[in-house]
Protein backbone atom coordinates (compact mmCIF):
# COMPACT_ATOMS: atom_id res chain seq x y z
CA MET A 1 71.21 186.78 91.82
CA GLU A 2 69.43 184.92 94.90
CA VAL A 3 67.89 187.44 97.88
CA LYS A 4 69.14 185.99 101.41
CA ARG A 5 66.29 185.19 103.68
CA ARG A 6 66.67 186.53 107.43
CA SER A 7 67.30 184.04 109.75
CA ALA A 8 67.12 183.47 113.35
CA ARG A 9 67.86 181.09 115.94
CA VAL A 10 66.42 180.41 119.33
CA VAL A 11 68.64 178.94 121.94
CA THR A 12 66.61 177.11 124.97
CA PHE A 13 67.89 176.63 128.41
CA GLY A 14 65.89 174.76 131.07
CA CYS A 15 62.73 172.94 130.72
CA GLN A 16 59.89 171.35 128.21
CA MET A 17 57.43 174.13 128.94
CA ASN A 18 60.41 176.93 127.80
CA GLU A 19 61.15 174.43 125.12
CA ARG A 20 57.60 174.38 123.86
CA ASP A 21 57.76 178.46 124.66
CA SER A 22 60.56 178.34 121.49
CA GLU A 23 58.85 176.60 119.27
CA THR A 24 55.65 179.22 119.32
CA ILE A 25 58.82 181.85 119.54
CA MET A 26 60.54 180.52 116.29
CA GLY A 27 56.69 180.20 115.18
CA ILE A 28 56.27 183.40 115.49
CA LEU A 29 59.14 184.57 113.34
CA SER A 30 58.70 181.83 110.58
CA SER A 31 55.42 183.79 110.52
CA LEU A 32 57.51 187.04 110.34
CA GLY A 33 59.19 185.96 107.33
CA PHE A 34 62.65 184.64 109.43
CA GLU A 35 63.57 181.06 108.58
CA GLU A 36 65.87 178.97 111.19
CA SER A 37 69.38 179.10 111.14
CA PRO A 38 71.28 176.01 112.25
CA SER A 39 73.71 178.38 114.31
CA VAL A 40 73.64 181.96 115.88
CA ASP A 41 76.82 182.79 114.14
CA ASP A 42 74.71 183.34 110.61
CA ALA A 43 71.43 184.62 112.67
CA ASP A 44 70.29 187.59 111.86
CA ILE A 45 68.25 187.58 115.27
CA ILE A 46 68.99 185.03 118.03
CA ILE A 47 66.52 185.02 121.41
CA PHE A 48 67.57 183.61 124.15
CA VAL A 49 64.73 181.29 126.25
CA THR A 50 66.33 181.13 129.74
CA CYS A 51 65.42 179.46 133.10
CA CYS A 52 66.29 180.51 136.74
CA VAL A 53 65.32 177.63 138.07
CA ARG A 54 68.78 176.52 139.29
CA GLU A 55 72.11 179.37 139.26
CA ASN A 56 73.83 176.68 136.64
CA ALA A 57 71.28 177.03 134.47
CA GLU A 58 71.73 181.22 134.86
CA ASN A 59 74.73 180.85 134.45
CA ARG A 60 74.86 179.54 130.81
CA ALA A 61 72.17 181.96 130.08
CA PHE A 62 74.37 185.03 131.23
CA GLY A 63 77.54 183.28 129.44
CA ASN A 64 75.94 182.61 125.71
CA LEU A 65 74.61 186.17 126.26
CA GLY A 66 77.99 187.42 126.55
CA GLU A 67 79.27 185.74 123.80
CA THR A 68 76.94 187.87 121.16
CA LYS A 69 78.78 191.04 121.57
CA ARG A 70 81.40 189.61 119.73
CA LEU A 71 78.35 189.02 117.02
CA LYS A 72 77.27 192.08 117.41
CA GLU A 73 80.34 193.76 117.12
CA ARG A 74 80.62 191.50 113.69
CA ASN A 75 77.54 192.30 112.53
CA PRO A 76 75.19 195.88 114.35
CA HIS A 77 72.49 194.84 112.24
CA LEU A 78 72.06 191.63 114.89
CA VAL A 79 69.06 191.68 116.71
CA VAL A 80 69.42 189.79 120.34
CA GLY A 81 66.80 189.05 122.96
CA MET A 82 66.33 187.61 125.83
CA CYS A 83 62.90 185.93 127.09
CA GLY A 84 61.92 183.77 129.30
CA CYS A 85 62.24 183.36 133.43
CA MET A 86 65.45 185.10 134.03
CA ALA A 87 63.32 188.04 132.57
CA GLN A 88 60.88 187.52 135.24
CA ARG A 89 63.36 188.29 137.81
CA SER A 90 63.56 192.00 138.19
CA ASP A 91 66.99 191.72 139.19
CA LEU A 92 68.78 189.11 136.64
CA ARG A 93 66.38 191.68 134.07
CA GLU A 94 67.58 195.15 135.81
CA LYS A 95 71.68 193.19 135.40
CA VAL A 96 71.36 192.73 131.68
CA GLN A 97 69.54 196.38 130.89
CA ALA A 98 72.82 197.90 132.93
CA ARG A 99 76.05 195.43 132.18
CA MET A 100 75.02 194.50 128.03
CA PRO A 101 74.06 196.90 126.52
CA TRP A 102 73.89 195.00 123.18
CA VAL A 103 70.69 192.85 123.91
CA ASP A 104 68.52 194.50 121.81
CA LEU A 105 65.17 193.02 123.97
CA VAL A 106 63.66 191.51 127.14
CA PHE A 107 60.33 190.18 127.57
CA GLY A 108 58.78 188.06 129.97
CA THR A 109 57.21 184.86 130.00
CA HIS A 110 53.51 186.40 129.89
CA ASN A 111 53.92 188.21 126.48
CA ILE A 112 55.47 185.99 124.15
CA HIS A 113 52.38 186.70 121.81
CA ARG A 114 53.45 190.21 121.11
CA LEU A 115 56.86 189.15 120.01
CA PRO A 116 56.03 191.08 116.72
CA GLU A 117 54.92 194.47 117.53
CA LEU A 118 57.70 194.22 120.12
CA LEU A 119 60.11 193.68 117.50
CA GLN A 120 59.10 196.33 114.85
CA ARG A 121 59.90 198.17 118.51
CA VAL A 122 63.43 196.99 117.60
CA PHE A 123 63.27 197.31 114.20
CA SER A 124 63.00 200.83 114.37
CA GLY A 125 65.43 201.91 116.74
CA GLU A 126 64.08 201.17 120.59
CA ARG A 127 65.80 199.33 122.71
CA VAL A 128 62.38 196.79 123.97
CA ILE A 129 62.30 196.14 128.11
CA GLU A 130 58.60 195.00 127.98
CA VAL A 131 57.80 192.56 131.37
CA TRP A 132 54.37 191.27 132.34
CA ASP A 133 54.17 191.01 136.17
CA GLU A 134 50.96 189.21 135.52
CA PRO A 135 49.72 187.06 133.25
CA CYS A 136 46.57 187.95 131.28
CA GLU A 137 44.06 185.37 129.61
CA VAL A 138 45.58 182.49 128.62
CA VAL A 139 46.10 183.30 124.76
CA GLU A 140 45.37 180.02 122.04
CA GLY A 141 46.03 180.18 118.16
CA LEU A 142 49.80 181.08 118.77
CA PRO A 143 52.11 180.16 115.65
CA ALA A 144 54.66 176.89 116.32
CA MET A 145 57.03 175.36 114.76
CA ARG A 146 57.87 171.99 115.84
CA ALA A 147 60.90 170.82 117.05
CA TYR A 148 59.57 167.13 115.34
CA SER A 149 57.35 166.09 113.07
CA HIS A 150 55.93 162.56 115.53
CA LYS A 151 55.93 164.19 118.53
CA ALA A 152 55.34 167.32 119.87
CA PHE A 153 54.55 168.60 123.51
CA VAL A 154 50.49 170.26 124.05
CA ASN A 155 50.60 172.76 127.28
CA ILE A 156 47.20 172.29 129.18
CA THR A 157 48.43 174.45 132.03
CA TYR A 158 50.78 177.68 132.31
CA GLY A 159 51.99 178.63 136.07
CA CYS A 160 51.80 177.03 139.45
CA ASP A 161 50.43 178.03 142.73
CA ASN A 162 52.25 175.31 144.85
CA PHE A 163 55.32 177.89 146.65
CA CYS A 164 57.37 175.05 147.71
CA THR A 165 59.90 176.78 149.86
CA TYR A 166 62.52 176.60 147.19
CA CYS A 167 61.01 177.12 143.87
CA ILE A 168 60.83 180.55 141.83
CA VAL A 169 58.64 178.73 138.92
CA PRO A 170 55.33 181.01 141.02
CA TYR A 171 57.21 184.19 140.72
CA VAL A 172 58.43 183.79 137.55
CA ARG A 173 55.35 181.87 135.16
CA GLY A 174 52.37 184.02 137.40
CA ARG A 175 49.48 181.36 139.13
CA GLU A 176 48.25 178.59 137.27
CA ARG A 177 45.61 178.32 134.38
CA SER A 178 44.18 175.39 132.93
CA ARG A 179 43.23 175.98 128.91
CA THR A 180 39.82 174.86 128.35
CA MET A 181 39.61 171.03 127.15
CA GLU A 182 38.48 171.81 124.10
CA ASP A 183 41.37 173.66 122.82
CA VAL A 184 43.23 170.85 124.39
CA VAL A 185 41.15 168.26 122.42
CA ALA A 186 42.10 170.61 119.33
CA GLU A 187 45.36 170.93 119.38
CA VAL A 188 46.16 167.24 119.95
CA GLY A 189 43.68 167.24 116.71
CA ASN A 190 45.04 169.17 114.39
CA LEU A 191 48.28 167.23 115.77
CA ALA A 192 47.59 164.13 114.96
CA LYS A 193 46.32 165.13 111.47
CA SER A 194 49.93 166.50 110.42
CA GLY A 195 51.42 163.09 111.25
CA CYS A 196 52.38 163.41 115.23
CA VAL A 197 51.68 160.09 116.93
CA GLU A 198 53.02 160.59 120.35
CA VAL A 199 51.92 164.26 122.39
CA THR A 200 53.25 164.94 125.89
CA LEU A 201 50.78 166.78 127.94
CA LEU A 202 52.50 169.75 129.87
CA GLY A 203 51.84 172.08 132.89
CA GLN A 204 53.47 172.73 136.50
CA ASN A 205 51.42 170.32 137.91
CA VAL A 206 49.37 168.30 135.18
CA ASN A 207 47.51 167.27 138.44
CA SER A 208 45.62 169.78 139.43
CA TYR A 209 44.52 170.69 136.02
CA GLY A 210 40.76 172.15 135.68
CA ARG A 211 41.13 174.08 138.26
CA GLY A 212 39.21 177.51 137.80
CA LEU A 213 37.38 176.29 134.70
CA PRO A 214 34.08 176.45 133.88
CA PRO A 215 31.88 173.52 134.97
CA ARG A 216 30.93 170.87 132.59
CA PRO A 217 26.79 170.28 132.40
CA SER A 218 27.71 168.00 135.53
CA GLY A 219 27.90 171.11 137.36
CA VAL A 220 31.54 169.98 138.11
CA SER A 221 34.75 171.53 136.61
CA PRO A 222 36.57 168.85 134.22
CA ASP A 223 40.29 167.28 136.12
CA PHE A 224 42.98 166.07 134.48
CA ALA A 225 41.40 161.94 134.86
CA ASP A 226 38.55 163.82 132.23
CA LEU A 227 41.05 165.34 129.91
CA LEU A 228 42.82 162.19 129.51
CA TYR A 229 39.67 160.55 128.98
CA GLU A 230 39.33 162.81 126.22
CA VAL A 231 42.91 163.07 124.57
CA ASN A 232 42.67 159.17 124.46
CA SER A 233 40.11 159.14 122.34
CA VAL A 234 41.44 161.75 119.59
CA GLU A 235 42.32 159.32 116.30
CA GLY A 236 45.53 158.90 114.94
CA ILE A 237 47.98 159.41 118.42
CA GLU A 238 49.27 156.03 119.95
CA ARG A 239 50.73 157.76 122.84
CA ILE A 240 49.67 159.76 125.31
CA ARG A 241 52.34 161.32 128.01
CA PHE A 242 52.70 163.74 131.12
CA THR A 243 54.54 165.93 133.26
CA THR A 244 55.13 166.35 135.75
CA SER A 245 52.61 165.16 138.62
CA HIS A 246 52.54 166.64 141.90
CA PRO A 247 52.23 163.77 143.92
CA ARG A 248 50.07 165.83 146.12
CA ASP A 249 47.83 165.79 144.08
CA PHE A 250 47.39 162.26 141.90
CA THR A 251 44.31 160.91 143.26
CA ASP A 252 43.47 157.21 142.65
CA LYS A 253 40.67 158.78 139.68
CA MET A 254 43.90 160.08 137.90
CA VAL A 255 45.09 156.14 138.42
CA VAL A 256 42.40 154.79 137.16
CA ALA A 257 42.09 156.76 134.37
CA ALA A 258 45.80 156.25 133.28
CA GLY A 259 45.31 152.42 133.34
CA SER A 260 41.97 152.19 131.33
CA CYS A 261 43.42 154.19 128.63
CA ASP A 262 44.74 152.29 125.76
CA LYS A 263 46.99 155.20 124.97
CA VAL A 264 48.62 156.53 127.91
CA CYS A 265 51.89 155.41 128.15
CA GLU A 266 53.03 153.50 131.96
CA HIS A 267 55.76 156.45 133.13
CA PHE A 268 54.76 158.11 136.13
CA HIS A 269 57.31 160.93 137.00
CA LEU A 270 56.74 161.72 140.48
CA PRO A 271 59.67 163.93 142.27
CA LEU A 272 59.67 162.97 145.65
CA GLN A 273 62.54 165.95 146.74
CA SER A 274 63.47 164.29 149.72
CA GLY A 275 62.26 161.25 151.79
CA SER A 276 62.36 163.05 154.82
CA ASP A 277 58.78 164.37 156.33
CA ARG A 278 59.96 167.03 158.65
CA VAL A 279 61.96 168.20 155.42
CA LEU A 280 59.31 167.45 153.49
CA ASP A 281 57.35 170.10 155.87
CA MET A 282 59.80 172.55 155.69
CA MET A 283 59.32 172.80 151.75
CA HIS A 284 55.93 173.17 151.91
CA ARG A 285 55.32 169.77 149.68
CA GLY A 286 52.14 168.57 151.30
CA TYR A 287 52.54 164.63 151.73
CA THR A 288 54.79 162.73 153.63
CA ALA A 289 56.98 160.54 152.51
CA GLU A 290 54.56 157.25 153.30
CA LYS A 291 51.54 158.89 151.22
CA TYR A 292 54.44 159.20 148.37
CA LEU A 293 54.83 155.44 149.13
CA GLY A 294 51.62 154.53 148.80
CA LEU A 295 51.10 156.41 145.75
CA VAL A 296 54.01 154.02 144.15
CA HIS A 297 52.52 151.14 145.11
CA ARG A 298 48.95 152.02 143.90
CA ILE A 299 50.13 152.95 140.68
CA ARG A 300 52.52 149.86 140.73
CA ASP A 301 49.31 147.78 141.71
CA VAL A 302 47.16 149.03 139.18
CA ILE A 303 49.57 149.74 136.13
CA PRO A 304 51.58 146.55 136.55
CA GLY A 305 55.25 147.29 134.92
CA ALA A 306 54.99 150.66 134.82
CA SER A 307 57.82 153.23 135.65
CA ILE A 308 58.35 155.33 138.21
CA THR A 309 61.14 157.82 137.95
CA THR A 310 61.65 160.92 139.93
CA ASP A 311 63.85 164.14 140.99
CA ILE A 312 65.38 163.98 144.57
CA MET A 313 67.31 167.34 146.13
CA VAL A 314 69.81 167.19 148.87
CA GLY A 315 71.32 170.11 151.25
CA PHE A 316 68.09 171.96 151.61
CA PRO A 317 68.92 174.00 154.23
CA GLY A 318 68.52 172.06 157.88
CA GLU A 319 69.16 168.90 156.30
CA THR A 320 71.17 166.87 158.50
CA GLU A 321 72.52 163.11 158.05
CA ALA A 322 69.58 161.57 159.51
CA ASP A 323 67.17 163.34 157.17
CA PHE A 324 69.53 162.27 153.78
CA GLN A 325 69.37 158.89 155.15
CA ALA A 326 65.73 159.14 155.41
CA THR A 327 66.12 159.72 151.24
CA MET A 328 68.04 156.64 150.83
CA ASP A 329 65.68 154.68 152.21
CA MET A 330 62.76 155.87 150.15
CA VAL A 331 65.54 155.53 147.05
CA ARG A 332 65.21 151.70 148.13
CA GLN A 333 62.07 151.41 148.77
CA ALA A 334 60.74 152.30 145.75
CA ARG A 335 62.75 150.74 143.62
CA PHE A 336 62.74 154.51 141.03
CA ASP A 337 63.81 153.78 137.31
CA ALA A 338 65.61 156.94 137.36
CA ALA A 339 66.15 160.01 139.20
CA PHE A 340 67.30 163.42 138.13
CA THR A 341 69.11 164.24 141.45
CA PHE A 342 70.72 167.50 142.09
CA ILE A 343 72.50 170.18 144.75
CA TYR A 344 69.86 172.97 146.56
CA SER A 345 70.53 175.80 145.07
CA PRO A 346 69.25 179.10 147.38
CA ARG A 347 67.19 181.25 143.97
CA PRO A 348 66.68 185.13 145.68
CA GLY A 349 63.14 185.39 146.50
CA THR A 350 62.13 182.38 147.88
CA VAL A 351 61.50 181.40 151.46
CA ALA A 352 63.67 178.86 151.60
CA ALA A 353 66.77 181.34 150.63
CA GLU A 354 66.08 182.61 153.75
CA MET A 355 66.07 179.62 156.15
CA PRO A 356 68.61 179.50 158.32
CA ASN A 357 71.13 176.27 158.58
CA GLN A 358 72.56 176.23 154.88
CA VAL A 359 74.14 173.66 154.31
CA LYS A 360 77.96 173.53 153.40
CA ASP A 361 78.99 172.78 149.48
CA ASP A 362 81.33 169.95 151.15
CA VAL A 363 78.58 168.28 153.08
CA LYS A 364 76.28 168.81 149.74
CA HIS A 365 78.62 166.83 147.44
CA ASP A 366 79.08 164.40 149.30
CA ARG A 367 75.42 163.41 149.33
CA ILE A 368 75.22 163.88 146.02
CA TYR A 369 77.42 161.43 145.09
CA ARG A 370 76.11 158.82 147.40
CA LEU A 371 72.68 159.45 146.28
CA ILE A 372 73.91 159.14 142.67
CA ASP A 373 75.70 155.95 143.26
CA LEU A 374 72.55 154.64 145.05
CA VAL A 375 69.90 155.61 142.45
CA ASN A 376 71.93 154.30 139.37
CA SER A 377 72.58 150.34 141.59
CA THR A 378 69.16 150.47 141.73
CA ALA A 379 68.32 151.59 138.24
CA GLY A 380 70.86 148.83 136.80
CA GLU A 381 68.81 146.22 138.96
CA VAL A 382 65.22 147.19 137.55
CA ASN A 383 67.02 147.47 134.09
CA ASP A 384 68.56 144.41 134.36
CA GLU A 385 64.89 142.82 135.17
CA LEU A 386 64.42 143.25 131.10
CA ARG A 387 66.30 140.92 130.30
CA GLY A 388 65.10 139.32 126.84
CA ALA A 389 61.84 140.70 127.40
CA ILE A 390 60.08 142.21 124.19
CA ARG A 391 58.92 145.62 124.33
CA GLU A 392 57.08 148.24 122.03
CA VAL A 393 59.54 150.74 121.05
CA MET A 394 59.08 153.99 119.02
CA VAL A 395 61.68 154.83 116.72
CA GLU A 396 63.19 158.95 117.08
CA GLY A 397 65.73 157.91 114.78
CA PRO A 398 69.64 157.22 114.04
CA SER A 399 72.30 156.88 117.34
CA GLU A 400 74.08 160.10 117.27
CA ARG A 401 76.87 157.47 118.04
CA ASP A 402 76.32 155.06 114.55
CA THR A 403 73.97 155.72 112.12
CA SER A 404 73.86 151.94 111.47
CA VAL A 405 71.85 151.46 114.99
CA LEU A 406 68.65 153.03 115.05
CA SER A 407 67.09 154.67 118.96
CA GLY A 408 64.10 154.98 120.15
CA ARG A 409 61.97 154.86 123.68
CA THR A 410 59.57 152.08 125.08
CA ARG A 411 56.11 153.28 126.75
CA THR A 412 58.06 153.43 130.03
CA ASN A 413 60.66 155.73 128.53
CA LYS A 414 63.43 153.66 128.61
CA MET A 415 66.25 154.49 126.02
CA VAL A 416 66.64 151.58 123.32
CA HIS A 417 69.24 151.03 120.76
CA TRP A 418 69.31 148.25 118.29
CA THR A 419 70.70 147.69 114.94
CA ALA A 420 68.53 147.90 112.59
CA SER A 421 67.68 145.52 109.99
CA LYS A 422 65.07 147.43 108.21
CA GLU A 423 64.08 151.43 107.37
CA HIS A 424 62.35 152.94 109.96
CA LYS A 425 61.05 156.76 109.84
CA PRO A 426 60.57 158.35 113.56
CA GLY A 427 57.52 157.56 115.11
CA ASP A 428 57.72 153.62 113.64
CA LEU A 429 56.31 151.14 116.25
CA VAL A 430 58.47 148.17 116.27
CA ARG A 431 59.18 145.05 118.85
CA VAL A 432 62.48 144.63 120.00
CA ARG A 433 64.12 142.41 122.68
CA ILE A 434 66.31 143.85 125.14
CA LEU A 435 69.55 141.50 125.12
CA GLU A 436 71.74 143.99 126.92
CA PRO A 437 70.37 146.24 129.77
CA ARG A 438 72.01 148.43 131.21
CA THR A 439 72.10 151.47 133.87
CA TRP A 440 70.74 154.13 132.02
CA THR A 441 70.22 152.40 128.40
CA LEU A 442 68.96 149.34 126.82
CA TYR A 443 70.58 147.25 123.92
CA GLY A 444 68.74 144.82 121.65
CA GLU A 445 67.30 143.44 118.39
CA GLU A 446 64.90 144.04 116.58
CA VAL A 447 61.62 140.79 116.45
CA MET A 448 59.96 140.87 113.25
CA SER A 449 57.06 138.61 114.02
CA GLY A 450 56.19 136.07 117.25
CA GLY A 451 56.98 136.33 120.84
CA GLU A 452 54.78 137.86 123.77
CA LEU A 453 54.90 141.89 123.82
CA ASP A 454 54.99 143.50 127.24
CA VAL A 455 54.32 146.84 127.72
């Protein structure tokens, strides 16, 4: 009789940093003999990697944790765990500890490497709550179960030193630490040997990479531009992406490096947050609207055809209609390829949560609808300029809606769908002529030969 292997399910909320943490957690579980379960219903271990950047993410995580009570009643041997940013907040951690006794394990963002020891204590019958207030040194060599074979996230920094007044990340992710250039390049090299062709360099602020690292023989510590040149030289890698970039720290050296490195994709995610200098100052962002727009123009001058995407917040405390109109004006001037728009959500423990003049909900919703309309209109105009152009697209796989249609992304990170004229596997690079550009997606046809290839 076949013996059923123990299985585990990792459920992820939030950003790419959490997605990468989830790969490590599943890698550790695999090394302990667990296979990945397709659903929570059949898993022997369920671990939730949580996010508390916005209230909606918290609510979703709590809802999912609540659902596991039913699973635990059906299977008393089920182990339920919670980690990530919510675990780092004492109020949320205590809420789980007091109100959800069926949650067996809580750990934070700084002690993922201790998961084997923590699970052993759980298996011995202990309820384990272990969250470190401060991170230790960067732990290298942890296993990972990668979500994809053709592309991968690679952490280059952990934590954040910016302390934007609305943001909880520095409090739950800790102060900024950089991995050594040698460790980053070694990981990318190993990924390339395994067949990976695209890497995304991850950090809360990749532009500040290198601060605190020992100086090189030149007497200067490496910076992000230096890292780009090194990763660009790794054989087998075809595309390099990075996120997130803080506009304040995006130096001219970085612009030149991005333009010089042939594998660095022509896509730059630059969170604007607000177009009002007054609001930017209250946010502690460290740049003005004029400086931000100057950076956008500089990137487009050095790297023609570059796409610029952004994050924009409405309803920050004290934001007036005039401040909001300044944001709308920035959208018109910058002509973003896409924007993630969201309503300000007070985060306990941040400076902004205690600020006076909190904006009313109805005003926030009115502004977000107007902003979305403008962003959609601008993005649609930008994409329409691609009609008839030929673009290099990396195959992601069949479309979820129609398996006869392939989907993939351009170097500028635009999603493309086209009818498959031949078999392709994820990671293949194909040429696609854009026939029908829409606001968020491009539709086209594969070009087998001929025609000038653009970005």
